[in-house]
Amino acid sequence: MALGYKTRRRLSLLVLLIGLPLYIVAAVTVVNWLDRPPIWMELLVYVGLGFLWMMPLRSVFLGVGQADPDAPTSDKADAPE
C-alpha cells in the first residue's frame, strides 16, 4: 500500500520531531553500555546507528521535499509577471 504525499509529509514530521530524539537517546544509552570504548569504535557505532534509523524509513522521506504531485496546477503560477 503506497502512502499519499500528505501522509508521508505528516509521518516524516512525526518521525523527525518525536522518533529521532528518542532514537538518539537510545543510541547514546547503547554506547554508554559499552563501558567507554576507544573513540574510533564509538564513532563507528554512532555512524552505524545513524544509518540504521533511516534505512527502514527511506520510503517515507523519499520525495517529501518536492512539490505535491497531486496538487492541481494553475496557469497563473506559470505566467511571467
N, C-alpha and C. Protein backbone atom coordinates (compact mmCIF):
# COMPACT_ATOMS: atom_id res chain seq x y z
N MET A 1 0.84 -1.17 0.00
CA MET A 1 0.00 0.00 0.00
C MET A 1 0.89 1.24 0.00
N ALA A 2 0.71 2.09 -0.99
CA ALA A 2 1.51 3.29 -1.11
C ALA A 2 0.89 4.41 -0.26
N LEU A 3 1.77 5.15 0.38
CA LEU A 3 1.31 6.28 1.19
C LEU A 3 1.14 7.51 0.31
N GLY A 4 0.14 8.30 0.60
CA GLY A 4 -0.07 9.55 -0.14
C GLY A 4 0.97 10.59 0.26
N TYR A 5 1.04 11.63 -0.54
CA TYR A 5 2.04 12.68 -0.31
C TYR A 5 1.84 13.35 1.05
N LYS A 6 0.62 13.75 1.36
CA LYS A 6 0.36 14.43 2.64
C LYS A 6 0.60 13.49 3.82
N THR A 7 0.28 12.24 3.66
CA THR A 7 0.52 11.27 4.73
C THR A 7 2.02 11.10 4.96
N ARG A 8 2.79 11.03 3.88
CA ARG A 8 4.25 10.91 4.03
C ARG A 8 4.84 12.15 4.68
N ARG A 9 4.33 13.34 4.33
CA ARG A 9 4.83 14.57 4.94
C ARG A 9 4.55 14.59 6.44
N ARG A 10 3.34 14.22 6.82
CA ARG A 10 2.98 14.21 8.24
C ARG A 10 3.76 13.15 9.01
N LEU A 11 3.92 11.98 8.40
CA LEU A 11 4.65 10.91 9.06
C LEU A 11 6.13 11.26 9.19
N SER A 12 6.71 11.88 8.17
CA SER A 12 8.12 12.27 8.26
C SER A 12 8.33 13.34 9.33
N LEU A 13 7.39 14.27 9.46
CA LEU A 13 7.48 15.28 10.50
C LEU A 13 7.38 14.64 11.88
N LEU A 14 6.49 13.69 12.03
CA LEU A 14 6.34 12.97 13.30
C LEU A 14 7.62 12.21 13.64
N VAL A 15 8.20 11.55 12.65
CA VAL A 15 9.44 10.79 12.88
C VAL A 15 10.57 11.73 13.27
N LEU A 16 10.69 12.87 12.59
CA LEU A 16 11.80 13.78 12.88
C LEU A 16 11.64 14.50 14.22
N LEU A 17 10.41 14.82 14.62
CA LEU A 17 10.21 15.57 15.86
C LEU A 17 10.11 14.69 17.10
N ILE A 18 9.62 13.48 16.95
CA ILE A 18 9.44 12.61 18.12
C ILE A 18 10.34 11.38 18.05
N GLY A 19 10.34 10.70 16.93
CA GLY A 19 11.09 9.45 16.81
C GLY A 19 12.59 9.62 16.83
N LEU A 20 13.10 10.61 16.12
CA LEU A 20 14.55 10.79 16.05
C LEU A 20 15.17 11.16 17.41
N PRO A 21 14.58 12.10 18.17
CA PRO A 21 15.16 12.34 19.50
C PRO A 21 15.14 11.11 20.41
N LEU A 22 14.08 10.32 20.33
CA LEU A 22 14.04 9.09 21.12
C LEU A 22 15.12 8.11 20.66
N TYR A 23 15.34 8.04 19.35
CA TYR A 23 16.37 7.16 18.82
C TYR A 23 17.76 7.63 19.25
N ILE A 24 17.97 8.94 19.30
CA ILE A 24 19.27 9.48 19.73
C ILE A 24 19.53 9.10 21.19
N VAL A 25 18.52 9.23 22.03
CA VAL A 25 18.67 8.84 23.44
C VAL A 25 19.00 7.35 23.54
N ALA A 26 18.33 6.53 22.73
CA ALA A 26 18.61 5.10 22.75
C ALA A 26 20.03 4.80 22.26
N ALA A 27 20.49 5.51 21.23
CA ALA A 27 21.85 5.29 20.72
C ALA A 27 22.90 5.67 21.75
N VAL A 28 22.70 6.78 22.43
CA VAL A 28 23.65 7.20 23.48
C VAL A 28 23.64 6.20 24.62
N THR A 29 22.48 5.67 24.95
CA THR A 29 22.39 4.66 26.01
C THR A 29 23.15 3.40 25.62
N VAL A 30 23.03 2.98 24.37
CA VAL A 30 23.75 1.78 23.90
C VAL A 30 25.25 2.01 23.98
N VAL A 31 25.72 3.18 23.58
CA VAL A 31 27.17 3.45 23.64
C VAL A 31 27.64 3.53 25.08
N ASN A 32 26.82 4.04 25.97
CA ASN A 32 27.21 4.09 27.39
C ASN A 32 27.31 2.70 28.00
N TRP A 33 26.54 1.74 27.49
CA TRP A 33 26.63 0.37 27.97
C TRP A 33 27.95 -0.30 27.57
N LEU A 34 28.62 0.24 26.55
CA LEU A 34 29.85 -0.38 26.07
C LEU A 34 31.06 -0.10 26.96
N ASP A 35 30.87 0.58 28.05
CA ASP A 35 31.93 0.81 29.04
C ASP A 35 33.10 1.59 28.44
N ARG A 36 32.81 2.70 27.83
CA ARG A 36 33.76 3.67 27.24
C ARG A 36 34.77 3.01 26.30
N PRO A 37 34.29 2.68 25.09
CA PRO A 37 35.19 2.09 24.09
C PRO A 37 36.14 3.14 23.53
N PRO A 38 37.14 2.74 22.74
CA PRO A 38 38.01 3.73 22.10
C PRO A 38 37.20 4.66 21.21
N ILE A 39 37.70 5.85 20.98
CA ILE A 39 36.96 6.88 20.25
C ILE A 39 36.61 6.43 18.84
N TRP A 40 37.47 5.67 18.18
CA TRP A 40 37.18 5.23 16.82
C TRP A 40 36.02 4.24 16.80
N MET A 41 35.95 3.37 17.84
CA MET A 41 34.85 2.41 17.90
C MET A 41 33.54 3.13 18.23
N GLU A 42 33.63 4.11 19.11
CA GLU A 42 32.45 4.89 19.46
C GLU A 42 31.91 5.63 18.22
N LEU A 43 32.81 6.17 17.42
CA LEU A 43 32.43 6.85 16.19
C LEU A 43 31.77 5.87 15.21
N LEU A 44 32.34 4.68 15.07
CA LEU A 44 31.75 3.67 14.19
C LEU A 44 30.35 3.26 14.64
N VAL A 45 30.15 3.14 15.94
CA VAL A 45 28.83 2.78 16.46
C VAL A 45 27.83 3.88 16.15
N TYR A 46 28.21 5.15 16.37
CA TYR A 46 27.31 6.26 16.09
C TYR A 46 26.99 6.37 14.60
N VAL A 47 27.98 6.18 13.75
CA VAL A 47 27.74 6.24 12.30
C VAL A 47 26.85 5.08 11.88
N GLY A 48 27.11 3.89 12.39
CA GLY A 48 26.27 2.74 12.06
C GLY A 48 24.83 2.93 12.52
N LEU A 49 24.65 3.41 13.74
CA LEU A 49 23.29 3.65 14.24
C LEU A 49 22.63 4.80 13.50
N GLY A 50 23.44 5.76 13.02
CA GLY A 50 22.90 6.87 12.23
C GLY A 50 22.32 6.40 10.91
N PHE A 51 22.96 5.44 10.28
CA PHE A 51 22.42 4.89 9.03
C PHE A 51 21.29 3.91 9.30
N LEU A 52 21.35 3.23 10.42
CA LEU A 52 20.34 2.21 10.73
C LEU A 52 18.94 2.79 10.89
N TRP A 53 18.82 3.98 11.47
CA TRP A 53 17.48 4.54 11.70
C TRP A 53 16.80 4.96 10.41
N MET A 54 17.57 5.34 9.41
CA MET A 54 16.94 5.87 8.20
C MET A 54 16.63 4.80 7.16
N MET A 55 17.25 3.65 7.22
CA MET A 55 17.01 2.64 6.19
C MET A 55 15.56 2.16 6.13
N PRO A 56 14.91 1.83 7.23
CA PRO A 56 13.52 1.39 7.12
C PRO A 56 12.56 2.53 6.77
N LEU A 57 12.97 3.77 7.00
CA LEU A 57 12.08 4.92 6.77
C LEU A 57 12.38 5.64 5.46
N ARG A 58 13.18 5.05 4.62
CA ARG A 58 13.57 5.70 3.37
C ARG A 58 12.36 6.02 2.50
N SER A 59 11.42 5.12 2.42
CA SER A 59 10.24 5.34 1.58
C SER A 59 9.37 6.47 2.11
N VAL A 60 9.42 6.72 3.41
CA VAL A 60 8.63 7.81 3.99
C VAL A 60 9.22 9.16 3.58
N PHE A 61 10.54 9.27 3.59
CA PHE A 61 11.19 10.55 3.31
C PHE A 61 11.41 10.81 1.82
N LEU A 62 11.25 9.80 0.99
CA LEU A 62 11.52 9.95 -0.43
C LEU A 62 10.51 10.90 -1.09
N GLY A 63 10.99 12.01 -1.62
CA GLY A 63 10.16 12.97 -2.34
C GLY A 63 9.38 13.93 -1.49
N VAL A 64 9.61 13.96 -0.18
CA VAL A 64 8.85 14.85 0.69
C VAL A 64 9.20 16.32 0.44
N GLY A 65 10.41 16.60 0.05
CA GLY A 65 10.82 17.98 -0.21
C GLY A 65 10.36 18.52 -1.54
N GLN A 66 9.78 17.69 -2.36
CA GLN A 66 9.29 18.12 -3.68
C GLN A 66 7.88 18.70 -3.55
N ALA A 67 7.44 19.33 -4.64
CA ALA A 67 6.08 19.86 -4.67
C ALA A 67 5.08 18.71 -4.68
N ASP A 68 3.88 18.99 -4.21
CA ASP A 68 2.84 17.96 -4.14
C ASP A 68 2.44 17.53 -5.55
N PRO A 69 2.67 16.26 -5.90
CA PRO A 69 2.33 15.82 -7.25
C PRO A 69 0.83 15.72 -7.49
N ASP A 70 0.03 15.67 -6.42
CA ASP A 70 -1.42 15.56 -6.56
C ASP A 70 -2.12 16.92 -6.58
N ALA A 71 -1.37 17.99 -6.34
CA ALA A 71 -1.97 19.33 -6.31
C ALA A 71 -2.37 19.77 -7.71
N PRO A 72 -3.51 20.43 -7.80
CA PRO A 72 -3.92 20.92 -9.13
C PRO A 72 -2.99 22.04 -9.59
N THR A 73 -2.67 22.04 -10.85
CA THR A 73 -1.80 23.08 -11.39
C THR A 73 -2.66 24.22 -11.91
N SER A 74 -2.16 25.43 -11.75
CA SER A 74 -2.87 26.59 -12.24
C SER A 74 -2.02 27.30 -13.27
N ASP A 75 -2.66 27.91 -14.25
CA ASP A 75 -1.93 28.62 -15.30
C ASP A 75 -1.34 29.93 -14.78
N LYS A 76 -1.88 30.49 -13.69
CA LYS A 76 -1.37 31.74 -13.13
C LYS A 76 0.03 31.54 -12.56
N ALA A 77 0.30 30.39 -12.03
CA ALA A 77 1.62 30.13 -11.43
C ALA A 77 2.70 30.07 -12.50
N ASP A 78 2.34 29.67 -13.73
CA ASP A 78 3.33 29.56 -14.78
C ASP A 78 3.50 30.85 -15.58
N ALA A 79 2.60 31.79 -15.45
CA ALA A 79 2.66 33.02 -16.23
C ALA A 79 3.71 33.96 -15.67
N PRO A 80 4.51 34.58 -16.54
CA PRO A 80 5.52 35.54 -16.07
C PRO A 80 4.84 36.84 -15.61
N GLU A 81 5.46 37.52 -14.68
CA GLU A 81 4.87 38.74 -14.13
C GLU A 81 5.48 39.96 -14.74
